[in-house]
Amino acid sequence: MKPSFLVRIALVLAALSLLAACGGGKPVRRINPPTISIQQLAVQADGRWLLELRIHNFSTVPMRFDTFEAGLEIEGSNAGALFLRPNLEIPGESADVFEATLAPSREAADRLAEAARSGSVGYLLRGGVQTSEPSKKFPLSQSSRLSPVPGRPNTYR
């Protein structure tokens, strides 16, 4: 005996509702360490450096970044220490920028000036970042390179 048309429809609807129940639910909350890098460094007329620092939130949830504390090295030379309170809320899997000013050591300033002639300079940010939502402290060790920006003297990216 063949099942009737209505019975087939009922079976298909039941199967679809079971599949829908399996896919439902809340998204998974993943807390991943953020990264902080130098987006731009501009040498000011008084010799201080204006840094644009980029925080990238790799978590799936928003995070509030309260405290950033790190030492900056330029080609292995200690440039100085940064202690900032960016007070930024960054959505999950997004990034934002905040500024800092640093009076660099003479040796680090000389190494940066050499970058204009040689093409690029390496840097290292080492320290930590504290979030309040969620409440966590993440270690930070970010290294990369900066190159002179064409047409913008004393500016590096």
Protein backbone atom coordinates (compact mmCIF):
# COMPACT_ATOMS: atom_id res chain seq x y z
CA MET A 1 0.00 0.00 0.00
CA LYS A 2 1.31 3.45 -0.94
CA PRO A 3 1.27 6.24 1.66
CA SER A 4 -1.15 8.98 0.84
CA PHE A 5 -0.07 12.39 -0.35
CA LEU A 6 -0.87 14.02 3.02
CA VAL A 7 1.25 11.49 4.90
CA ARG A 8 4.21 12.25 2.61
CA ILE A 9 3.84 15.99 3.19
CA ALA A 10 3.67 15.42 6.97
CA LEU A 11 6.87 13.34 6.86
CA VAL A 12 8.71 15.99 4.79
CA LEU A 13 7.58 18.77 7.16
CA ALA A 14 8.67 16.74 10.20
CA ALA A 15 12.10 16.15 8.65
CA LEU A 16 12.48 19.86 7.82
CA SER A 17 11.54 20.90 11.35
CA LEU A 18 14.14 18.48 12.77
CA LEU A 19 16.81 19.93 10.48
CA ALA A 20 15.85 23.47 11.48
CA ALA A 21 16.11 22.55 15.18
CA CYS A 22 19.64 21.22 14.66
CA GLY A 23 20.87 24.44 13.03
CA GLY A 24 19.32 26.78 15.57
CA GLY A 25 20.96 28.12 18.67
CA LYS A 26 23.23 30.88 19.78
CA PRO A 27 26.47 31.65 17.96
CA VAL A 28 29.61 30.32 19.57
CA ARG A 29 31.44 32.87 21.77
CA ARG A 30 35.13 32.75 21.00
CA ILE A 31 37.58 34.97 22.89
CA ASN A 32 40.82 35.30 20.94
CA PRO A 33 43.85 37.46 21.69
CA PRO A 34 43.78 40.84 19.92
CA THR A 35 46.69 42.32 17.99
CA ILE A 36 47.97 45.87 18.21
CA SER A 37 50.20 47.25 15.48
CA ILE A 38 51.53 50.60 14.35
CA GLN A 39 49.40 51.84 11.49
CA GLN A 40 51.36 55.08 11.10
CA LEU A 41 54.21 56.88 12.80
CA ALA A 42 54.72 60.61 12.16
CA VAL A 43 57.70 62.54 13.53
CA GLN A 44 56.48 65.88 14.88
CA ALA A 45 58.38 69.19 14.66
CA ASP A 46 59.46 68.86 18.32
CA GLY A 47 60.88 65.35 17.70
CA ARG A 48 58.06 63.45 19.42
CA TRP A 49 56.36 60.64 17.54
CA LEU A 50 52.63 60.56 16.87
CA LEU A 51 51.63 56.91 16.65
CA GLU A 52 48.40 55.60 15.18
CA LEU A 53 47.91 52.20 16.79
CA ARG A 54 45.47 49.69 15.31
CA ILE A 55 43.67 47.22 17.60
CA HIS A 56 42.21 44.20 15.84
CA ASN A 57 39.61 42.21 17.81
CA PHE A 58 39.74 38.61 16.54
CA SER A 59 37.03 37.46 18.97
CA THR A 60 33.46 36.77 17.91
CA VAL A 61 32.14 39.07 20.65
CA PRO A 62 32.59 42.82 21.25
CA MET A 63 35.45 43.74 23.58
CA ARG A 64 36.10 46.91 25.59
CA PHE A 65 39.81 47.77 25.55
CA ASP A 66 40.73 49.66 28.72
CA THR A 67 44.50 49.63 29.15
CA PHE A 68 47.42 49.25 26.77
CA GLU A 69 50.94 49.03 28.16
CA ALA A 70 53.95 48.22 25.99
CA GLY A 71 57.55 48.96 25.24
CA LEU A 72 58.49 49.98 21.71
CA GLU A 73 61.74 48.97 20.06
CA ILE A 74 63.04 50.25 16.73
CA GLU A 75 65.61 47.92 15.14
CA GLY A 76 66.42 46.54 18.59
CA SER A 77 66.80 49.99 20.22
CA ASN A 78 64.49 50.86 23.08
CA ALA A 79 62.34 53.79 21.90
CA GLY A 80 60.29 54.17 25.07
CA ALA A 81 57.24 52.96 26.95
CA LEU A 82 53.58 53.48 26.17
CA PHE A 83 50.80 53.45 28.76
CA LEU A 84 47.38 54.34 27.40
CA ARG A 85 43.73 54.03 28.26
CA PRO A 86 42.04 53.83 24.84
CA ASN A 87 38.59 53.02 26.30
CA LEU A 88 37.41 51.58 22.98
CA GLU A 89 34.63 49.07 22.41
CA ILE A 90 35.37 47.12 19.25
CA PRO A 91 32.81 44.73 17.74
CA GLY A 92 33.80 41.13 17.12
CA GLU A 93 36.12 40.53 14.18
CA SER A 94 36.66 44.29 13.69
CA ALA A 95 39.39 46.86 14.27
CA ASP A 96 39.79 50.48 15.37
CA VAL A 97 42.60 53.02 15.67
CA PHE A 98 43.77 55.18 18.59
CA GLU A 99 46.63 57.66 18.92
CA ALA A 100 49.60 57.94 21.24
CA THR A 101 52.51 60.35 21.54
CA LEU A 102 56.00 59.19 22.47
CA ALA A 103 59.23 61.08 23.14
CA PRO A 104 61.66 58.49 21.70
CA SER A 105 65.17 57.75 22.80
CA ARG A 106 67.92 59.39 20.72
CA GLU A 107 69.15 56.04 19.41
CA ALA A 108 65.66 54.97 18.28
CA ALA A 109 65.08 58.36 16.60
CA ASP A 110 68.38 57.94 14.71
CA ARG A 111 67.42 54.43 13.60
CA LEU A 112 64.06 55.68 12.34
CA ALA A 113 65.79 58.47 10.40
CA GLU A 114 67.98 55.82 8.76
CA ALA A 115 64.80 54.17 7.49
CA ALA A 116 64.15 57.13 5.19
CA ARG A 117 67.44 56.32 3.47
CA SER A 118 67.39 52.51 3.60
CA GLY A 119 63.72 51.86 2.85
CA SER A 120 62.27 50.31 6.00
CA VAL A 121 62.78 49.80 9.71
CA GLY A 122 61.69 46.98 11.99
CA TYR A 123 59.74 47.54 15.20
CA LEU A 124 58.56 45.48 18.14
CA LEU A 125 55.70 46.23 20.54
CA ARG A 126 55.89 44.09 23.68
CA GLY A 127 53.58 44.32 26.68
CA GLY A 128 49.91 43.68 27.27
CA VAL A 129 46.36 44.86 26.80
CA GLN A 130 43.57 44.72 29.39
CA THR A 131 39.88 44.38 28.50
CA SER A 132 36.93 44.90 30.82
CA GLU A 133 34.28 43.20 28.72
CA PRO A 134 35.21 40.38 28.94
CA SER A 135 37.59 40.90 31.83
CA LYS A 136 40.91 39.56 30.52
CA LYS A 137 44.56 40.50 30.19
CA PHE A 138 46.28 39.51 26.96
CA PRO A 139 50.05 39.48 26.44
CA LEU A 140 51.28 41.36 23.38
CA SER A 141 54.30 40.80 21.19
CA GLN A 142 53.88 42.32 17.73
CA SER A 143 56.68 42.92 15.27
CA SER A 144 56.55 44.35 11.78
CA ARG A 145 58.23 46.92 9.55
CA LEU A 146 57.61 50.59 8.78
CA SER A 147 58.49 52.26 5.49
CA PRO A 148 58.63 55.96 4.58
CA VAL A 149 55.42 57.30 3.01
CA PRO A 150 56.15 58.81 -0.42
CA GLY A 151 55.37 62.55 -0.51
CA ARG A 152 54.92 62.78 3.28
CA PRO A 153 58.24 63.56 4.95
CA ASN A 154 58.85 62.09 8.39
CA THR A 155 55.85 59.75 8.08
CA TYR A 156 56.11 55.95 8.12
CA ARG A 157 53.62 53.13 7.60
